[in-house]
Amino acid sequence: MKLRLSEAIAVNGNVDSFEVTNNKVHDNNIGIVLIGHENISPVTALDQVRNGIVHYNSSFNNTSYNEYSADGIYVDGEKEIIIEQNQNYENDLGIEVAFVNVLWMNYSSFK
């Protein structure tokens, strides 16, 4: 998938028990994004991506053109996510894990 300055695969809001696997994303701003707490769900406690796995994906050549902020995989506001065995190369950043809202910080596994 080639979108230039957007996210190729976005998992956002009230999403529970999912898998993102065997994708090839390139030439985007962000290859794969998992995000929560953006007021997508009307139930605040459920407004996050949770209980998922991201594996066996290839994410490459994602760049923001001299801003150095494009990720192969970007995660923010998630809960109990496993990210493993992905290929990330020629991106501004490989895997970026952020917690913009520290009140919702949770545990996940990144290998």
PDB file of N, CA and C in Angstrom:
ATOM      1  N   MET A   1       0.850  -1.162   0.000  1.00  0.00           N
ATOM      2  CA  MET A   1       0.000   0.000   0.000  1.00  0.00           C
ATOM      3  C   MET A   1       0.897   1.227   0.000  1.00  0.00           C
ATOM      4  N   LYS A   2       0.592   2.220  -0.806  1.00  0.00           N
ATOM      5  CA  LYS A   2       1.419   3.416  -0.939  1.00  0.00           C
ATOM      6  C   LYS A   2       0.529   4.647  -0.866  1.00  0.00           C
ATOM      7  N   LEU A   3       0.567   5.356   0.261  1.00  0.00           N
ATOM      8  CA  LEU A   3      -0.332   6.491   0.492  1.00  0.00           C
ATOM      9  C   LEU A   3       0.391   7.821   0.633  1.00  0.00           C
ATOM     10  N   ARG A   4       1.693   7.819   0.664  1.00  0.00           N
ATOM     11  CA  ARG A   4       2.539   9.016   0.841  1.00  0.00           C
ATOM     12  C   ARG A   4       2.487   9.570   2.252  1.00  0.00           C
ATOM     13  N   LEU A   5       1.667  10.566   2.572  1.00  0.00           N
ATOM     14  CA  LEU A   5       1.731  11.247   3.863  1.00  0.00           C
ATOM     15  C   LEU A   5       0.623  10.832   4.829  1.00  0.00           C
ATOM     16  N   SER A   6       0.107   9.640   4.702  1.00  0.00           N
ATOM     17  CA  SER A   6      -0.943   9.161   5.588  1.00  0.00           C
ATOM     18  C   SER A   6      -0.502   7.842   6.216  1.00  0.00           C
ATOM     19  N   GLU A   7      -1.349   7.265   7.046  1.00  0.00           N
ATOM     20  CA  GLU A   7      -1.088   5.962   7.641  1.00  0.00           C
ATOM     21  C   GLU A   7      -1.643   4.879   6.723  1.00  0.00           C
ATOM     22  N   ALA A   8      -0.890   3.817   6.545  1.00  0.00           N
ATOM     23  CA  ALA A   8      -1.360   2.730   5.687  1.00  0.00           C
ATOM     24  C   ALA A   8      -2.388   1.863   6.411  1.00  0.00           C
ATOM     25  N   ILE A   9      -2.067   1.425   7.620  1.00  0.00           N
ATOM     26  CA  ILE A   9      -2.970   0.588   8.409  1.00  0.00           C
ATOM     27  C   ILE A   9      -3.175   1.275   9.754  1.00  0.00           C
ATOM     28  N   ALA A  10      -4.401   1.679  10.041  1.00  0.00           N
ATOM     29  CA  ALA A  10      -4.716   2.374  11.292  1.00  0.00           C
ATOM     30  C   ALA A  10      -5.745   1.573  12.079  1.00  0.00           C
ATOM     31  N   VAL A  11      -5.402   1.239  13.321  1.00  0.00           N
ATOM     32  CA  VAL A  11      -6.322   0.572  14.236  1.00  0.00           C
ATOM     33  C   VAL A  11      -6.543   1.563  15.375  1.00  0.00           C
ATOM     34  N   ASN A  12      -7.781   2.061  15.515  1.00  0.00           N
ATOM     35  CA  ASN A  12      -8.042   3.192  16.403  1.00  0.00           C
ATOM     36  C   ASN A  12      -9.373   3.008  17.127  1.00  0.00           C
ATOM     37  N   GLY A  13      -9.395   3.353  18.409  1.00  0.00           N
ATOM     38  CA  GLY A  13     -10.653   3.368  19.158  1.00  0.00           C
ATOM     39  C   GLY A  13     -10.960   2.058  19.847  1.00  0.00           C
ATOM     40  N   ASN A  14     -12.233   1.712  19.925  1.00  0.00           N
ATOM     41  CA  ASN A  14     -12.716   0.548  20.663  1.00  0.00           C
ATOM     42  C   ASN A  14     -12.500  -0.726  19.847  1.00  0.00           C
ATOM     43  N   VAL A  15     -11.254  -1.194  19.831  1.00  0.00           N
ATOM     44  CA  VAL A  15     -10.895  -2.406  19.095  1.00  0.00           C
ATOM     45  C   VAL A  15     -10.288  -3.387  20.093  1.00  0.00           C
ATOM     46  N   ASP A  16     -10.876  -4.575  20.196  1.00  0.00           N
ATOM     47  CA  ASP A  16     -10.442  -5.583  21.154  1.00  0.00           C
ATOM     48  C   ASP A  16     -10.156  -6.890  20.425  1.00  0.00           C
ATOM     49  N   SER A  17      -9.041  -7.534  20.764  1.00  0.00           N
ATOM     50  CA  SER A  17      -8.673  -8.856  20.242  1.00  0.00           C
ATOM     51  C   SER A  17      -8.541  -8.842  18.724  1.00  0.00           C
ATOM     52  N   PHE A  18      -7.397  -8.407  18.250  1.00  0.00           N
ATOM     53  CA  PHE A  18      -7.164  -8.282  16.812  1.00  0.00           C
ATOM     54  C   PHE A  18      -5.756  -8.764  16.473  1.00  0.00           C
ATOM     55  N   GLU A  19      -5.519  -8.936  15.175  1.00  0.00           N
ATOM     56  CA  GLU A  19      -4.211  -9.328  14.668  1.00  0.00           C
ATOM     57  C   GLU A  19      -3.934  -8.554  13.386  1.00  0.00           C
ATOM     58  N   VAL A  20      -2.748  -7.981  13.292  1.00  0.00           N
ATOM     59  CA  VAL A  20      -2.268  -7.342  12.064  1.00  0.00           C
ATOM     60  C   VAL A  20      -1.062  -8.165  11.639  1.00  0.00           C
ATOM     61  N   THR A  21      -1.184  -8.891  10.534  1.00  0.00           N
ATOM     62  CA  THR A  21      -0.139  -9.841  10.162  1.00  0.00           C
ATOM     63  C   THR A  21       0.049  -9.933   8.649  1.00  0.00           C
ATOM     64  N   ASN A  22       1.286 -10.200   8.265  1.00  0.00           N
ATOM     65  CA  ASN A  22       1.659 -10.459   6.868  1.00  0.00           C
ATOM     66  C   ASN A  22       1.301  -9.327   5.913  1.00  0.00           C
ATOM     67  N   ASN A  23       1.551  -8.095   6.324  1.00  0.00           N
ATOM     68  CA  ASN A  23       1.326  -6.937   5.456  1.00  0.00           C
ATOM     69  C   ASN A  23       2.660  -6.367   5.002  1.00  0.00           C
ATOM     70  N   LYS A  24       2.631  -5.737   3.850  1.00  0.00           N
ATOM     71  CA  LYS A  24       3.801  -5.049   3.307  1.00  0.00           C
ATOM     72  C   LYS A  24       3.377  -3.610   3.048  1.00  0.00           C
ATOM     73  N   VAL A  25       3.899  -2.671   3.844  1.00  0.00           N
ATOM     74  CA  VAL A  25       3.526  -1.262   3.703  1.00  0.00           C
ATOM     75  C   VAL A  25       4.786  -0.435   3.474  1.00  0.00           C
ATOM     76  N   HIS A  26       4.689   0.529   2.574  1.00  0.00           N
ATOM     77  CA  HIS A  26       5.866   1.332   2.242  1.00  0.00           C
ATOM     78  C   HIS A  26       5.456   2.663   1.636  1.00  0.00           C
ATOM     79  N   ASP A  27       6.395   3.611   1.688  1.00  0.00           N
ATOM     80  CA  ASP A  27       6.214   4.938   1.093  1.00  0.00           C
ATOM     81  C   ASP A  27       4.984   5.660   1.644  1.00  0.00           C
ATOM     82  N   ASN A  28       4.844   5.633   2.963  1.00  0.00           N
ATOM     83  CA  ASN A  28       3.762   6.327   3.663  1.00  0.00           C
ATOM     84  C   ASN A  28       4.372   7.221   4.730  1.00  0.00           C
ATOM     85  N   ASN A  29       3.534   7.871   5.487  1.00  0.00           N
ATOM     86  CA  ASN A  29       4.000   8.593   6.664  1.00  0.00           C
ATOM     87  C   ASN A  29       4.217   7.608   7.810  1.00  0.00           C
ATOM     88  N   ILE A  30       3.213   6.808   8.111  1.00  0.00           N
ATOM     89  CA  ILE A  30       3.311   5.761   9.127  1.00  0.00           C
ATOM     90  C   ILE A  30       2.800   4.467   8.504  1.00  0.00           C
ATOM     91  N   GLY A  31       3.563   3.400   8.666  1.00  0.00           N
ATOM     92  CA  GLY A  31       3.141   2.129   8.091  1.00  0.00           C
ATOM     93  C   GLY A  31       1.938   1.539   8.814  1.00  0.00           C
ATOM     94  N   ILE A  32       2.098   1.291  10.123  1.00  0.00           N
ATOM     95  CA  ILE A  32       1.042   0.699  10.948  1.00  0.00           C
ATOM     96  C   ILE A  32       0.908   1.548  12.205  1.00  0.00           C
ATOM     97  N   VAL A  33      -0.307   1.956  12.543  1.00  0.00           N
ATOM     98  CA  VAL A  33      -0.534   2.749  13.751  1.00  0.00           C
ATOM     99  C   VAL A  33      -1.604   2.081  14.607  1.00  0.00           C
ATOM    100  N   LEU A  34      -1.319   1.975  15.910  1.00  0.00           N
ATOM    101  CA  LEU A  34      -2.276   1.491  16.906  1.00  0.00           C
ATOM    102  C   LEU A  34      -2.447   2.629  17.893  1.00  0.00           C
ATOM    103  N   ILE A  35      -3.671   3.102  18.059  1.00  0.00           N
ATOM    104  CA  ILE A  35      -3.846   4.323  18.851  1.00  0.00           C
ATOM    105  C   ILE A  35      -5.137   4.271  19.661  1.00  0.00           C
ATOM    106  N   GLY A  36      -5.142   4.986  20.746  1.00  0.00           N
ATOM    107  CA  GLY A  36      -6.328   5.051  21.591  1.00  0.00           C
ATOM    108  C   GLY A  36      -6.473   6.405  22.249  1.00  0.00           C
ATOM    109  N   HIS A  37      -7.598   6.588  22.897  1.00  0.00           N
ATOM    110  CA  HIS A  37      -7.917   7.801  23.660  1.00  0.00           C
ATOM    111  C   HIS A  37      -7.960   9.049  22.785  1.00  0.00           C
ATOM    112  N   GLU A  38      -8.593   8.897  21.620  1.00  0.00           N
ATOM    113  CA  GLU A  38      -8.821  10.037  20.732  1.00  0.00           C
ATOM    114  C   GLU A  38     -10.303  10.390  20.664  1.00  0.00           C
ATOM    115  N   ASN A  39     -11.062   9.970  21.668  1.00  0.00           N
ATOM    116  CA  ASN A  39     -12.507  10.227  21.746  1.00  0.00           C
ATOM    117  C   ASN A  39     -13.271   9.636  20.562  1.00  0.00           C
ATOM    118  N   ILE A  40     -12.860   8.451  20.139  1.00  0.00           N
ATOM    119  CA  ILE A  40     -13.560   7.726  19.077  1.00  0.00           C
ATOM    120  C   ILE A  40     -14.759   6.982  19.664  1.00  0.00           C
ATOM    121  N   SER A  41     -14.554   6.326  20.807  1.00  0.00           N
ATOM    122  CA  SER A  41     -15.618   5.570  21.468  1.00  0.00           C
ATOM    123  C   SER A  41     -16.333   6.449  22.487  1.00  0.00           C
ATOM    124  N   PRO A  42     -17.657   6.329  22.601  1.00  0.00           N
ATOM    125  CA  PRO A  42     -18.375   7.103  23.613  1.00  0.00           C
ATOM    126  C   PRO A  42     -18.096   6.624  25.040  1.00  0.00           C
ATOM    127  N   VAL A  43     -17.532   5.427  25.187  1.00  0.00           N
ATOM    128  CA  VAL A  43     -17.186   4.887  26.501  1.00  0.00           C
ATOM    129  C   VAL A  43     -15.677   5.066  26.702  1.00  0.00           C
ATOM    130  N   THR A  44     -15.300   5.978  27.569  1.00  0.00           N
ATOM    131  CA  THR A  44     -13.894   6.340  27.752  1.00  0.00           C
ATOM    132  C   THR A  44     -13.015   5.135  28.069  1.00  0.00           C
ATOM    133  N   ALA A  45     -13.467   4.248  28.926  1.00  0.00           N
ATOM    134  CA  ALA A  45     -12.670   3.086  29.320  1.00  0.00           C
ATOM    135  C   ALA A  45     -12.412   2.127  28.160  1.00  0.00           C
ATOM    136  N   LEU A  46     -13.222   2.193  27.113  1.00  0.00           N
ATOM    137  CA  LEU A  46     -13.063   1.310  25.959  1.00  0.00           C
ATOM    138  C   LEU A  46     -12.434   2.015  24.765  1.00  0.00           C
ATOM    139  N   ASP A  47     -12.046   3.251  24.922  1.00  0.00           N
ATOM    140  CA  ASP A  47     -11.537   4.048  23.800  1.00  0.00           C
ATOM    141  C   ASP A  47     -10.045   3.805  23.576  1.00  0.00           C
ATOM    142  N   GLN A  48      -9.706   2.531  23.366  1.00  0.00           N
ATOM    143  CA  GLN A  48      -8.317   2.196  23.095  1.00  0.00           C
ATOM    144  C   GLN A  48      -8.213   0.839  22.406  1.00  0.00           C
ATOM    145  N   VAL A  49      -7.167   0.703  21.631  1.00  0.00           N
ATOM    146  CA  VAL A  49      -6.830  -0.555  20.991  1.00  0.00           C
ATOM    147  C   VAL A  49      -6.246  -1.466  22.070  1.00  0.00           C
ATOM    148  N   ARG A  50      -6.700  -2.728  22.124  1.00  0.00           N
ATOM    149  CA  ARG A  50      -6.247  -3.604  23.204  1.00  0.00           C
ATOM    150  C   ARG A  50      -6.277  -5.078  22.792  1.00  0.00           C
ATOM    151  N   ASN A  51      -5.462  -5.853  23.506  1.00  0.00           N
ATOM    152  CA  ASN A  51      -5.422  -7.312  23.345  1.00  0.00           C
ATOM    153  C   ASN A  51      -5.168  -7.736  21.906  1.00  0.00           C
ATOM    154  N   GLY A  52      -4.121  -7.178  21.312  1.00  0.00           N
ATOM    155  CA  GLY A  52      -3.826  -7.501  19.922  1.00  0.00           C
ATOM    156  C   GLY A  52      -2.382  -7.891  19.702  1.00  0.00           C
ATOM    157  N   ILE A  53      -2.127  -8.391  18.505  1.00  0.00           N
ATOM    158  CA  ILE A  53      -0.774  -8.774  18.113  1.00  0.00           C
ATOM    159  C   ILE A  53      -0.477  -8.221  16.721  1.00  0.00           C
ATOM    160  N   VAL A  54       0.729  -7.707  16.574  1.00  0.00           N
ATOM    161  CA  VAL A  54       1.213  -7.198  15.290  1.00  0.00           C
ATOM    162  C   VAL A  54       2.492  -7.973  14.987  1.00  0.00           C
ATOM    163  N   HIS A  55       2.452  -8.814  13.950  1.00  0.00           N
ATOM    164  CA  HIS A  55       3.639  -9.614  13.650  1.00  0.00           C
ATOM    165  C   HIS A  55       3.708 -10.007  12.180  1.00  0.00           C
ATOM    166  N   TYR A  56       4.935 -10.323  11.760  1.00  0.00           N
ATOM    167  CA  TYR A  56       5.247 -10.765  10.399  1.00  0.00           C
ATOM    168  C   TYR A  56       4.890  -9.723   9.333  1.00  0.00           C
ATOM    169  N   ASN A  57       5.027  -8.452   9.664  1.00  0.00           N
ATOM    170  CA  ASN A  57       4.782  -7.376   8.705  1.00  0.00           C
ATOM    171  C   ASN A  57       6.110  -6.794   8.239  1.00  0.00           C
ATOM    172  N   SER A  58       6.117  -6.222   7.049  1.00  0.00           N
ATOM    173  CA  SER A  58       7.261  -5.466   6.532  1.00  0.00           C
ATOM    174  C   SER A  58       6.826  -4.029   6.349  1.00  0.00           C
ATOM    175  N   SER A  59       7.579  -3.124   6.941  1.00  0.00           N
ATOM    176  CA  SER A  59       7.280  -1.701   6.830  1.00  0.00           C
ATOM    177  C   SER A  59       8.575  -0.988   6.460  1.00  0.00           C
ATOM    178  N   PHE A  60       8.586  -0.333   5.297  1.00  0.00           N
ATOM    179  CA  PHE A  60       9.839   0.258   4.838  1.00  0.00           C
ATOM    180  C   PHE A  60       9.607   1.508   3.997  1.00  0.00           C
ATOM    181  N   ASN A  61      10.650   2.316   3.943  1.00  0.00           N
ATOM    182  CA  ASN A  61      10.669   3.553   3.154  1.00  0.00           C
ATOM    183  C   ASN A  61       9.541   4.512   3.540  1.00  0.00           C
ATOM    184  N   ASN A  62       9.226   4.554   4.823  1.00  0.00           N
ATOM    185  CA  ASN A  62       8.244   5.514   5.335  1.00  0.00           C
ATOM    186  C   ASN A  62       9.009   6.723   5.846  1.00  0.00           C
ATOM    187  N   THR A  63       8.765   7.862   5.246  1.00  0.00           N
ATOM    188  CA  THR A  63       9.512   9.064   5.602  1.00  0.00           C
ATOM    189  C   THR A  63       8.613  10.285   5.573  1.00  0.00           C
ATOM    190  N   SER A  64       8.926  11.226   6.428  1.00  0.00           N
ATOM    191  CA  SER A  64       8.189  12.498   6.454  1.00  0.00           C
ATOM    192  C   SER A  64       8.994  13.592   5.764  1.00  0.00           C
ATOM    193  N   TYR A  65       9.989  13.191   4.990  1.00  0.00           N
ATOM    194  CA  TYR A  65      10.758  14.119   4.161  1.00  0.00           C
ATOM    195  C   TYR A  65      11.364  15.250   4.975  1.00  0.00           C
ATOM    196  N   ASN A  66      12.465  14.926   5.661  1.00  0.00           N
ATOM    197  CA  ASN A  66      13.294  15.855   6.432  1.00  0.00           C
ATOM    198  C   ASN A  66      12.705  16.258   7.779  1.00  0.00           C
ATOM    199  N   GLU A  67      11.564  15.734   8.185  1.00  0.00           N
ATOM    200  CA  GLU A  67      11.056  15.983   9.535  1.00  0.00           C
ATOM    201  C   GLU A  67      11.429  14.833  10.473  1.00  0.00           C
ATOM    202  N   TYR A  68      11.791  13.695   9.925  1.00  0.00           N
ATOM    203  CA  TYR A  68      12.235  12.526  10.674  1.00  0.00           C
ATOM    204  C   TYR A  68      11.242  12.113  11.762  1.00  0.00           C
ATOM    205  N   SER A  69      10.000  11.959  11.371  1.00  0.00           N
ATOM    206  CA  SER A  69       8.970  11.558  12.334  1.00  0.00           C
ATOM    207  C   SER A  69       8.060  10.448  11.806  1.00  0.00           C
ATOM    208  N   ALA A  70       8.378   9.869  10.669  1.00  0.00           N
ATOM    209  CA  ALA A  70       7.554   8.793  10.107  1.00  0.00           C
ATOM    210  C   ALA A  70       8.026   7.453  10.670  1.00  0.00           C
ATOM    211  N   ASP A  71       7.073   6.623  11.049  1.00  0.00           N
ATOM    212  CA  ASP A  71       7.375   5.361  11.719  1.00  0.00           C
ATOM    213  C   ASP A  71       7.026   4.159  10.854  1.00  0.00           C
ATOM    214  N   GLY A  72       7.758   3.083  11.076  1.00  0.00           N
ATOM    215  CA  GLY A  72       7.321   1.808  10.546  1.00  0.00           C
ATOM    216  C   GLY A  72       6.072   1.354  11.285  1.00  0.00           C
ATOM    217  N   ILE A  73       6.148   1.417  12.632  1.00  0.00           N
ATOM    218  CA  ILE A  73       5.013   1.090  13.499  1.00  0.00           C
ATOM    219  C   ILE A  73       4.942   2.154  14.588  1.00  0.00           C
ATOM    220  N   TYR A  74       3.763   2.729  14.792  1.00  0.00           N
ATOM    221  CA  TYR A  74       3.557   3.753  15.819  1.00  0.00           C
ATOM    222  C   TYR A  74       2.455   3.283  16.766  1.00  0.00           C
ATOM    223  N   VAL A  75       2.732   3.341  18.065  1.00  0.00           N
ATOM    224  CA  VAL A  75       1.797   2.869  19.079  1.00  0.00           C
ATOM    225  C   VAL A  75       1.607   3.968  20.118  1.00  0.00           C
ATOM    226  N   ASP A  76       0.349   4.317  20.417  1.00  0.00           N
ATOM    227  CA  ASP A  76       0.071   5.360  21.410  1.00  0.00           C
ATOM    228  C   ASP A  76      -1.292   5.097  22.044  1.00  0.00           C
ATOM    229  N   GLY A  77      -1.324   4.936  23.350  1.00  0.00           N
ATOM    230  CA  GLY A  77      -2.591   4.770  24.064  1.00  0.00           C
ATOM    231  C   GLY A  77      -3.179   3.380  23.959  1.00  0.00           C
ATOM    232  N   GLU A  78      -2.332   2.387  23.762  1.00  0.00           N
ATOM    233  CA  GLU A  78      -2.792   1.011  23.606  1.00  0.00           C
ATOM    234  C   GLU A  78      -2.809   0.293  24.943  1.00  0.00           C
ATOM    235  N   LYS A  79      -3.322  -0.928  24.940  1.00  0.00           N
ATOM    236  CA  LYS A  79      -3.316  -1.764  26.146  1.00  0.00           C
ATOM    237  C   LYS A  79      -3.097  -3.215  25.740  1.00  0.00           C
ATOM    238  N   GLU A  80      -2.107  -3.841  26.339  1.00  0.00           N
ATOM    239  CA  GLU A  80      -1.825  -5.259  26.145  1.00  0.00           C
ATOM    240  C   GLU A  80      -1.691  -5.635  24.673  1.00  0.00           C
ATOM    241  N   ILE A  81      -0.665  -5.080  24.053  1.00  0.00           N
ATOM    242  CA  ILE A  81      -0.349  -5.331  22.649  1.00  0.00           C
ATOM    243  C   ILE A  81       0.982  -6.073  22.574  1.00  0.00           C
ATOM    244  N   ILE A  82       1.091  -7.015  21.670  1.00  0.00           N
ATOM    245  CA  ILE A  82       2.357  -7.692  21.390  1.00  0.00           C
ATOM    246  C   ILE A  82       2.786  -7.296  19.985  1.00  0.00           C
ATOM    247  N   ILE A  83       4.010  -6.792  19.880  1.00  0.00           N
ATOM    248  CA  ILE A  83       4.592  -6.461  18.579  1.00  0.00           C
ATOM    249  C   ILE A  83       5.873  -7.270  18.470  1.00  0.00           C
ATOM    250  N   GLU A  84       5.930  -8.177  17.486  1.00  0.00           N
ATOM    251  CA  GLU A  84       7.098  -9.043  17.364  1.00  0.00           C
ATOM    252  C   GLU A  84       7.287  -9.511  15.926  1.00  0.00           C
ATOM    253  N   GLN A  85       8.532  -9.822  15.604  1.00  0.00           N
ATOM    254  CA  GLN A  85       8.913 -10.436  14.338  1.00  0.00           C
ATOM    255  C   GLN A  85       8.434  -9.645  13.123  1.00  0.00           C
ATOM    256  N   ASN A  86       8.581  -8.331  13.194  1.00  0.00           N
ATOM    257  CA  ASN A  86       8.297  -7.456  12.058  1.00  0.00           C
ATOM    258  C   ASN A  86       9.613  -6.983  11.463  1.00  0.00           C
ATOM    259  N   GLN A  87       9.603  -6.639  10.194  1.00  0.00           N
ATOM    260  CA  GLN A  87      10.762  -6.040   9.540  1.00  0.00           C
ATOM    261  C   GLN A  87      10.487  -4.561   9.340  1.00  0.00           C
ATOM    262  N   ASN A  88      11.367  -3.721   9.870  1.00  0.00           N
ATOM    263  CA  ASN A  88      11.275  -2.273   9.701  1.00  0.00           C
ATOM    264  C   ASN A  88      12.620  -1.782   9.194  1.00  0.00           C
ATOM    265  N   TYR A  89      12.625  -1.131   8.044  1.00  0.00           N
ATOM    266  CA  TYR A  89      13.882  -0.597   7.528  1.00  0.00           C
ATOM    267  C   TYR A  89      13.613   0.590   6.607  1.00  0.00           C
ATOM    268  N   GLU A  90      14.611   1.470   6.551  1.00  0.00           N
ATOM    269  CA  GLU A  90      14.549   2.690   5.746  1.00  0.00           C
ATOM    270  C   GLU A  90      13.344   3.563   6.100  1.00  0.00           C
ATOM    271  N   ASN A  91      12.976   3.568   7.378  1.00  0.00           N
ATOM    272  CA  ASN A  91      11.956   4.470   7.913  1.00  0.00           C
ATOM    273  C   ASN A  91      12.674   5.560   8.707  1.00  0.00           C
ATOM    274  N   ASP A  92      11.997   6.675   8.950  1.00  0.00           N
ATOM    275  CA  ASP A  92      12.584   7.673   9.851  1.00  0.00           C
ATOM    276  C   ASP A  92      12.781   7.068  11.237  1.00  0.00           C
ATOM    277  N   LEU A  93      11.784   6.344  11.725  1.00  0.00           N
ATOM    278  CA  LEU A  93      11.830   5.649  13.013  1.00  0.00           C
ATOM    279  C   LEU A  93      11.303   4.233  12.812  1.00  0.00           C
ATOM    280  N   GLY A  94      11.855   3.264  13.511  1.00  0.00           N
ATOM    281  CA  GLY A  94      11.388   1.882  13.372  1.00  0.00           C
ATOM    282  C   GLY A  94      10.057   1.665  14.066  1.00  0.00           C
ATOM    283  N   ILE A  95      10.106   1.512  15.393  1.00  0.00           N
ATOM    284  CA  ILE A  95       8.901   1.374  16.213  1.00  0.00           C
ATOM    285  C   ILE A  95       8.911   2.511  17.222  1.00  0.00           C
ATOM    286  N   GLU A  96       7.867   3.318  17.213  1.00  0.00           N
ATOM    287  CA  GLU A  96       7.750   4.412  18.173  1.00  0.00           C
ATOM    288  C   GLU A  96       6.615   4.096  19.138  1.00  0.00           C
ATOM    289  N   VAL A  97       6.924   4.131  20.425  1.00  0.00           N
ATOM    290  CA  VAL A  97       5.932   3.899  21.467  1.00  0.00           C
ATOM    291  C   VAL A  97       5.784   5.194  22.245  1.00  0.00           C
ATOM    292  N   ALA A  98       4.581   5.730  22.262  1.00  0.00           N
ATOM    293  CA  ALA A  98       4.326   7.000  22.939  1.00  0.00           C
ATOM    294  C   ALA A  98       3.124   6.847  23.860  1.00  0.00           C
ATOM    295  N   PHE A  99       3.101   7.658  24.878  1.00  0.00           N
ATOM    296  CA  PHE A  99       1.949   7.736  25.765  1.00  0.00           C
ATOM    297  C   PHE A  99       1.640   9.207  25.947  1.00  0.00           C
ATOM    298  N   VAL A 100       0.901   9.759  25.007  1.00  0.00           N
ATOM    299  CA  VAL A 100       0.573  11.179  25.047  1.00  0.00           C
ATOM    300  C   VAL A 100      -0.239  11.487  26.286  1.00  0.00           C
ATOM    301  N   ASN A 101      -1.148  10.576  26.654  1.00  0.00           N
ATOM    302  CA  ASN A 101      -1.962  10.746  27.850  1.00  0.00           C
ATOM    303  C   ASN A 101      -1.466   9.761  28.905  1.00  0.00           C
ATOM    304  N   VAL A 102      -0.608  10.205  29.815  1.00  0.00           N
ATOM    305  CA  VAL A 102      -0.003   9.292  30.792  1.00  0.00           C
ATOM    306  C   VAL A 102      -1.015   8.702  31.768  1.00  0.00           C
ATOM    307  N   LEU A 103      -2.214   9.245  31.843  1.00  0.00           N
ATOM    308  CA  LEU A 103      -3.241   8.670  32.710  1.00  0.00           C
ATOM    309  C   LEU A 103      -3.693   7.304  32.217  1.00  0.00           C
ATOM    310  N   TRP A 104      -3.441   7.005  30.950  1.00  0.00           N
ATOM    311  CA  TRP A 104      -3.901   5.754  30.362  1.00  0.00           C
ATOM    312  C   TRP A 104      -2.748   4.811  30.030  1.00  0.00           C
ATOM    313  N   MET A 105      -1.592   4.969  30.653  1.00  0.00           N
ATOM    314  CA  MET A 105      -0.436   4.141  30.357  1.00  0.00           C
ATOM    315  C   MET A 105      -0.702   2.698  30.788  1.00  0.00           C
ATOM    316  N   ASN A 106      -0.392   1.743  29.907  1.00  0.00           N
ATOM    317  CA  ASN A 106      -0.632   0.332  30.155  1.00  0.00           C
ATOM    318  C   ASN A 106       0.587  -0.483  29.766  1.00  0.00           C
ATOM    319  N   TYR A 107       0.507  -1.786  29.982  1.00  0.00           N
ATOM    320  CA  TYR A 107       1.619  -2.675  29.696  1.00  0.00           C
ATOM    321  C   TYR A 107       1.427  -3.376  28.363  1.00  0.00           C
ATOM    322  N   SER A 108       2.508  -3.414  27.586  1.00  0.00           N
ATOM    323  CA  SER A 108       2.528  -4.120  26.322  1.00  0.00           C
ATOM    324  C   SER A 108       3.901  -4.748  26.156  1.00  0.00           C
ATOM    325  N   SER A 109       4.040  -5.607  25.166  1.00  0.00           N
ATOM    326  CA  SER A 109       5.298  -6.300  24.910  1.00  0.00           C
ATOM    327  C   SER A 109       5.783  -5.971  23.512  1.00  0.00           C
ATOM    328  N   PHE A 110       7.030  -5.547  23.430  1.00  0.00           N
ATOM    329  CA  PHE A 110       7.631  -5.208  22.140  1.00  0.00           C
ATOM    330  C   PHE A 110       8.921  -5.997  22.010  1.00  0.00           C
ATOM    331  N   LYS A 111       8.981  -6.870  21.009  1.00  0.00           N
ATOM    332  CA  LYS A 111      10.162  -7.733  20.835  1.00  0.00           C
ATOM    333  C   LYS A 111      10.796  -7.467  19.490  1.00  0.00           C
TER     334      LYS A 111
END
